[in-house]
Amino acid sequence: MGKMHTRKNPDIDPDMTVFDIIDNWRETESVFKGYDEIAGECVCCNALFDTVRQMVMRYELDLDKVVSELKGAAFKTTGRPGD
């Protein structure tokens, strides 16, 4: 059995790799997949070990928008009262 992975960084920042973000917040994979058509290739396949900053530069994306979407997916509310 491998050791349990814990989140070392409680927030998403542009200098984290695509892999680390998906590993910590599985919900974010759909955000990256949503950029496949714009990128013209599978972002997760071709930029998995790039930082988000490198990935947006590679595909000419808006850094603030991508980070905002990733945070939205990772930290969305549960729908419970008081959230």
N, C-alpha and C. Protein backbone atom coordinates (compact mmCIF):
# COMPACT_ATOMS: atom_id res chain seq x y z
N MET A 1 0.84 -1.19 0.00
CA MET A 1 0.00 0.00 0.00
C MET A 1 0.88 1.24 0.00
N GLY A 2 0.57 2.18 -0.89
CA GLY A 2 1.28 3.45 -0.92
C GLY A 2 0.82 4.34 0.22
N LYS A 3 1.64 5.36 0.50
CA LYS A 3 1.22 6.25 1.58
C LYS A 3 0.10 7.15 1.10
N MET A 4 -0.73 7.57 2.03
CA MET A 4 -1.88 8.40 1.70
C MET A 4 -1.41 9.79 1.28
N HIS A 5 -1.96 10.27 0.18
CA HIS A 5 -1.61 11.60 -0.33
C HIS A 5 -2.44 12.65 0.41
N THR A 6 -1.78 13.69 0.86
CA THR A 6 -2.51 14.79 1.51
C THR A 6 -2.24 16.07 0.73
N ARG A 7 -3.18 16.96 0.80
CA ARG A 7 -3.03 18.24 0.11
C ARG A 7 -2.02 19.10 0.83
N LYS A 8 -0.94 19.39 0.17
CA LYS A 8 0.09 20.24 0.76
C LYS A 8 -0.26 21.70 0.57
N ASN A 9 -0.95 22.00 -0.52
CA ASN A 9 -1.33 23.36 -0.83
C ASN A 9 -2.85 23.44 -0.79
N PRO A 10 -3.42 24.23 0.12
CA PRO A 10 -4.87 24.27 0.24
C PRO A 10 -5.56 25.08 -0.87
N ASP A 11 -4.78 25.69 -1.75
CA ASP A 11 -5.35 26.51 -2.80
C ASP A 11 -4.67 26.20 -4.13
N ILE A 12 -5.30 26.58 -5.19
CA ILE A 12 -4.76 26.39 -6.53
C ILE A 12 -4.03 27.66 -6.94
N ASP A 13 -2.80 27.50 -7.43
CA ASP A 13 -2.09 28.67 -7.95
C ASP A 13 -1.49 28.31 -9.31
N PRO A 14 -1.19 29.31 -10.12
CA PRO A 14 -0.74 29.08 -11.50
C PRO A 14 0.59 28.35 -11.62
N ASP A 15 1.33 28.25 -10.55
CA ASP A 15 2.63 27.58 -10.61
C ASP A 15 2.56 26.11 -10.23
N MET A 16 1.35 25.61 -10.00
CA MET A 16 1.15 24.18 -9.77
C MET A 16 1.02 23.50 -11.13
N THR A 17 1.43 22.23 -11.21
CA THR A 17 1.29 21.51 -12.47
C THR A 17 -0.16 21.05 -12.66
N VAL A 18 -0.48 20.81 -13.92
CA VAL A 18 -1.80 20.27 -14.25
C VAL A 18 -2.00 18.96 -13.48
N PHE A 19 -0.97 18.13 -13.46
CA PHE A 19 -1.04 16.85 -12.75
C PHE A 19 -1.36 17.05 -11.27
N ASP A 20 -0.64 17.93 -10.60
CA ASP A 20 -0.86 18.15 -9.16
C ASP A 20 -2.26 18.65 -8.87
N ILE A 21 -2.77 19.51 -9.74
CA ILE A 21 -4.12 20.03 -9.52
C ILE A 21 -5.15 18.92 -9.66
N ILE A 22 -5.04 18.13 -10.73
CA ILE A 22 -5.99 17.04 -10.92
C ILE A 22 -5.84 16.00 -9.81
N ASP A 23 -4.61 15.74 -9.38
CA ASP A 23 -4.36 14.77 -8.32
C ASP A 23 -5.01 15.21 -7.00
N ASN A 24 -4.97 16.50 -6.73
CA ASN A 24 -5.55 17.03 -5.49
C ASN A 24 -7.05 17.28 -5.59
N TRP A 25 -7.51 17.71 -6.76
CA TRP A 25 -8.91 18.07 -6.95
C TRP A 25 -9.39 17.43 -8.24
N ARG A 26 -9.82 16.20 -8.16
CA ARG A 26 -10.22 15.42 -9.34
C ARG A 26 -11.28 16.13 -10.17
N GLU A 27 -12.09 16.95 -9.51
CA GLU A 27 -13.17 17.68 -10.19
C GLU A 27 -12.65 18.63 -11.25
N THR A 28 -11.38 19.01 -11.15
CA THR A 28 -10.82 19.98 -12.09
C THR A 28 -10.49 19.38 -13.45
N GLU A 29 -10.46 18.07 -13.54
CA GLU A 29 -10.12 17.44 -14.82
C GLU A 29 -11.06 17.91 -15.93
N SER A 30 -12.34 18.07 -15.60
CA SER A 30 -13.31 18.50 -16.61
C SER A 30 -13.00 19.92 -17.12
N VAL A 31 -12.43 20.76 -16.28
CA VAL A 31 -12.05 22.11 -16.72
C VAL A 31 -10.95 22.01 -17.77
N PHE A 32 -9.93 21.21 -17.48
CA PHE A 32 -8.85 21.04 -18.46
C PHE A 32 -9.38 20.43 -19.75
N LYS A 33 -10.24 19.42 -19.65
CA LYS A 33 -10.81 18.77 -20.84
C LYS A 33 -11.64 19.76 -21.66
N GLY A 34 -12.22 20.73 -20.97
CA GLY A 34 -13.01 21.74 -21.66
C GLY A 34 -12.18 22.62 -22.59
N TYR A 35 -10.88 22.63 -22.41
CA TYR A 35 -9.99 23.42 -23.27
C TYR A 35 -9.38 22.61 -24.41
N ASP A 36 -9.70 21.32 -24.50
CA ASP A 36 -9.13 20.48 -25.55
C ASP A 36 -9.42 21.01 -26.94
N GLU A 37 -10.65 21.41 -27.18
CA GLU A 37 -11.03 21.88 -28.52
C GLU A 37 -10.29 23.17 -28.88
N ILE A 38 -10.19 24.08 -27.95
CA ILE A 38 -9.47 25.34 -28.18
C ILE A 38 -7.99 25.06 -28.43
N ALA A 39 -7.44 24.15 -27.64
CA ALA A 39 -6.02 23.81 -27.76
C ALA A 39 -5.73 23.01 -29.03
N GLY A 40 -6.72 22.31 -29.52
CA GLY A 40 -6.53 21.47 -30.69
C GLY A 40 -5.87 20.14 -30.37
N GLU A 41 -5.81 19.83 -29.09
CA GLU A 41 -5.24 18.56 -28.63
C GLU A 41 -5.68 18.32 -27.19
N CYS A 42 -5.41 17.14 -26.71
CA CYS A 42 -5.75 16.80 -25.33
C CYS A 42 -4.80 17.53 -24.38
N VAL A 43 -5.34 18.46 -23.62
CA VAL A 43 -4.52 19.25 -22.69
C VAL A 43 -3.90 18.34 -21.63
N CYS A 44 -4.70 17.44 -21.07
CA CYS A 44 -4.19 16.56 -20.02
C CYS A 44 -3.11 15.61 -20.56
N CYS A 45 -3.21 15.24 -21.83
CA CYS A 45 -2.22 14.34 -22.43
C CYS A 45 -0.91 15.07 -22.73
N ASN A 46 -1.01 16.31 -23.17
CA ASN A 46 0.16 17.02 -23.69
C ASN A 46 0.74 18.07 -22.75
N ALA A 47 0.03 18.44 -21.71
CA ALA A 47 0.53 19.47 -20.79
C ALA A 47 0.43 19.02 -19.34
N LEU A 48 0.36 17.73 -19.11
CA LEU A 48 0.13 17.20 -17.77
C LEU A 48 1.18 17.66 -16.76
N PHE A 49 2.42 17.78 -17.20
CA PHE A 49 3.48 18.15 -16.27
C PHE A 49 3.90 19.61 -16.40
N ASP A 50 3.14 20.38 -17.19
CA ASP A 50 3.34 21.83 -17.26
C ASP A 50 2.64 22.48 -16.08
N THR A 51 3.13 23.64 -15.68
CA THR A 51 2.37 24.42 -14.70
C THR A 51 1.17 25.01 -15.45
N VAL A 52 0.20 25.46 -14.70
CA VAL A 52 -0.95 26.10 -15.33
C VAL A 52 -0.48 27.33 -16.11
N ARG A 53 0.46 28.04 -15.56
CA ARG A 53 1.01 29.23 -16.23
C ARG A 53 1.62 28.84 -17.59
N GLN A 54 2.39 27.76 -17.63
CA GLN A 54 2.97 27.29 -18.89
C GLN A 54 1.89 26.81 -19.86
N MET A 55 0.90 26.12 -19.31
CA MET A 55 -0.18 25.59 -20.14
C MET A 55 -0.97 26.71 -20.82
N VAL A 56 -1.30 27.75 -20.09
CA VAL A 56 -2.06 28.84 -20.71
C VAL A 56 -1.22 29.60 -21.74
N MET A 57 0.07 29.70 -21.50
CA MET A 57 0.94 30.34 -22.49
C MET A 57 1.02 29.48 -23.75
N ARG A 58 1.13 28.17 -23.58
CA ARG A 58 1.23 27.24 -24.72
C ARG A 58 0.00 27.36 -25.62
N TYR A 59 -1.17 27.45 -24.99
CA TYR A 59 -2.43 27.44 -25.76
C TYR A 59 -3.06 28.82 -25.90
N GLU A 60 -2.35 29.87 -25.46
CA GLU A 60 -2.81 31.25 -25.57
C GLU A 60 -4.19 31.43 -24.92
N LEU A 61 -4.27 31.02 -23.66
CA LEU A 61 -5.51 31.13 -22.88
C LEU A 61 -5.39 32.26 -21.87
N ASP A 62 -6.49 32.60 -21.24
CA ASP A 62 -6.54 33.65 -20.22
C ASP A 62 -6.25 33.01 -18.86
N LEU A 63 -5.11 33.35 -18.27
CA LEU A 63 -4.68 32.75 -17.01
C LEU A 63 -5.71 32.94 -15.90
N ASP A 64 -6.19 34.17 -15.71
CA ASP A 64 -7.14 34.44 -14.63
C ASP A 64 -8.42 33.63 -14.80
N LYS A 65 -8.88 33.51 -16.04
CA LYS A 65 -10.11 32.76 -16.31
C LYS A 65 -9.91 31.27 -15.99
N VAL A 66 -8.79 30.71 -16.44
CA VAL A 66 -8.54 29.29 -16.21
C VAL A 66 -8.42 29.01 -14.70
N VAL A 67 -7.66 29.81 -13.99
CA VAL A 67 -7.50 29.61 -12.54
C VAL A 67 -8.85 29.76 -11.84
N SER A 68 -9.64 30.74 -12.24
CA SER A 68 -10.96 30.93 -11.64
C SER A 68 -11.85 29.71 -11.87
N GLU A 69 -11.82 29.16 -13.09
CA GLU A 69 -12.62 27.98 -13.39
C GLU A 69 -12.14 26.76 -12.59
N LEU A 70 -10.83 26.63 -12.44
CA LEU A 70 -10.29 25.51 -11.66
C LEU A 70 -10.71 25.62 -10.20
N LYS A 71 -10.62 26.82 -9.65
CA LYS A 71 -11.04 27.03 -8.26
C LYS A 71 -12.53 26.79 -8.10
N GLY A 72 -13.31 27.22 -9.08
CA GLY A 72 -14.75 26.99 -9.04
C GLY A 72 -15.08 25.51 -9.01
N ALA A 73 -14.37 24.73 -9.81
CA ALA A 73 -14.61 23.28 -9.83
C ALA A 73 -14.12 22.61 -8.55
N ALA A 74 -12.98 23.04 -8.07
CA ALA A 74 -12.37 22.40 -6.89
C ALA A 74 -13.09 22.75 -5.59
N PHE A 75 -13.55 23.97 -5.49
CA PHE A 75 -14.08 24.45 -4.21
C PHE A 75 -15.55 24.80 -4.28
N LYS A 76 -16.28 24.19 -5.22
CA LYS A 76 -17.70 24.50 -5.34
C LYS A 76 -18.43 24.14 -4.06
N THR A 77 -19.49 24.84 -3.81
CA THR A 77 -20.26 24.59 -2.59
C THR A 77 -20.98 23.26 -2.70
N THR A 78 -21.28 22.70 -1.58
CA THR A 78 -21.93 21.38 -1.54
C THR A 78 -23.44 21.49 -1.69
N GLY A 79 -23.97 22.72 -1.63
CA GLY A 79 -25.41 22.88 -1.71
C GLY A 79 -26.10 22.76 -0.36
N ARG A 80 -25.31 22.61 0.68
CA ARG A 80 -25.89 22.53 2.03
C ARG A 80 -26.26 23.93 2.50
N PRO A 81 -27.28 24.06 3.31
CA PRO A 81 -27.62 25.36 3.85
C PRO A 81 -26.44 25.96 4.59
N GLY A 82 -26.21 27.23 4.37
CA GLY A 82 -25.11 27.91 5.05
C GLY A 82 -23.84 27.96 4.24
N ASP A 83 -23.80 27.24 3.10
CA ASP A 83 -22.61 27.28 2.24
C ASP A 83 -22.59 28.56 1.44
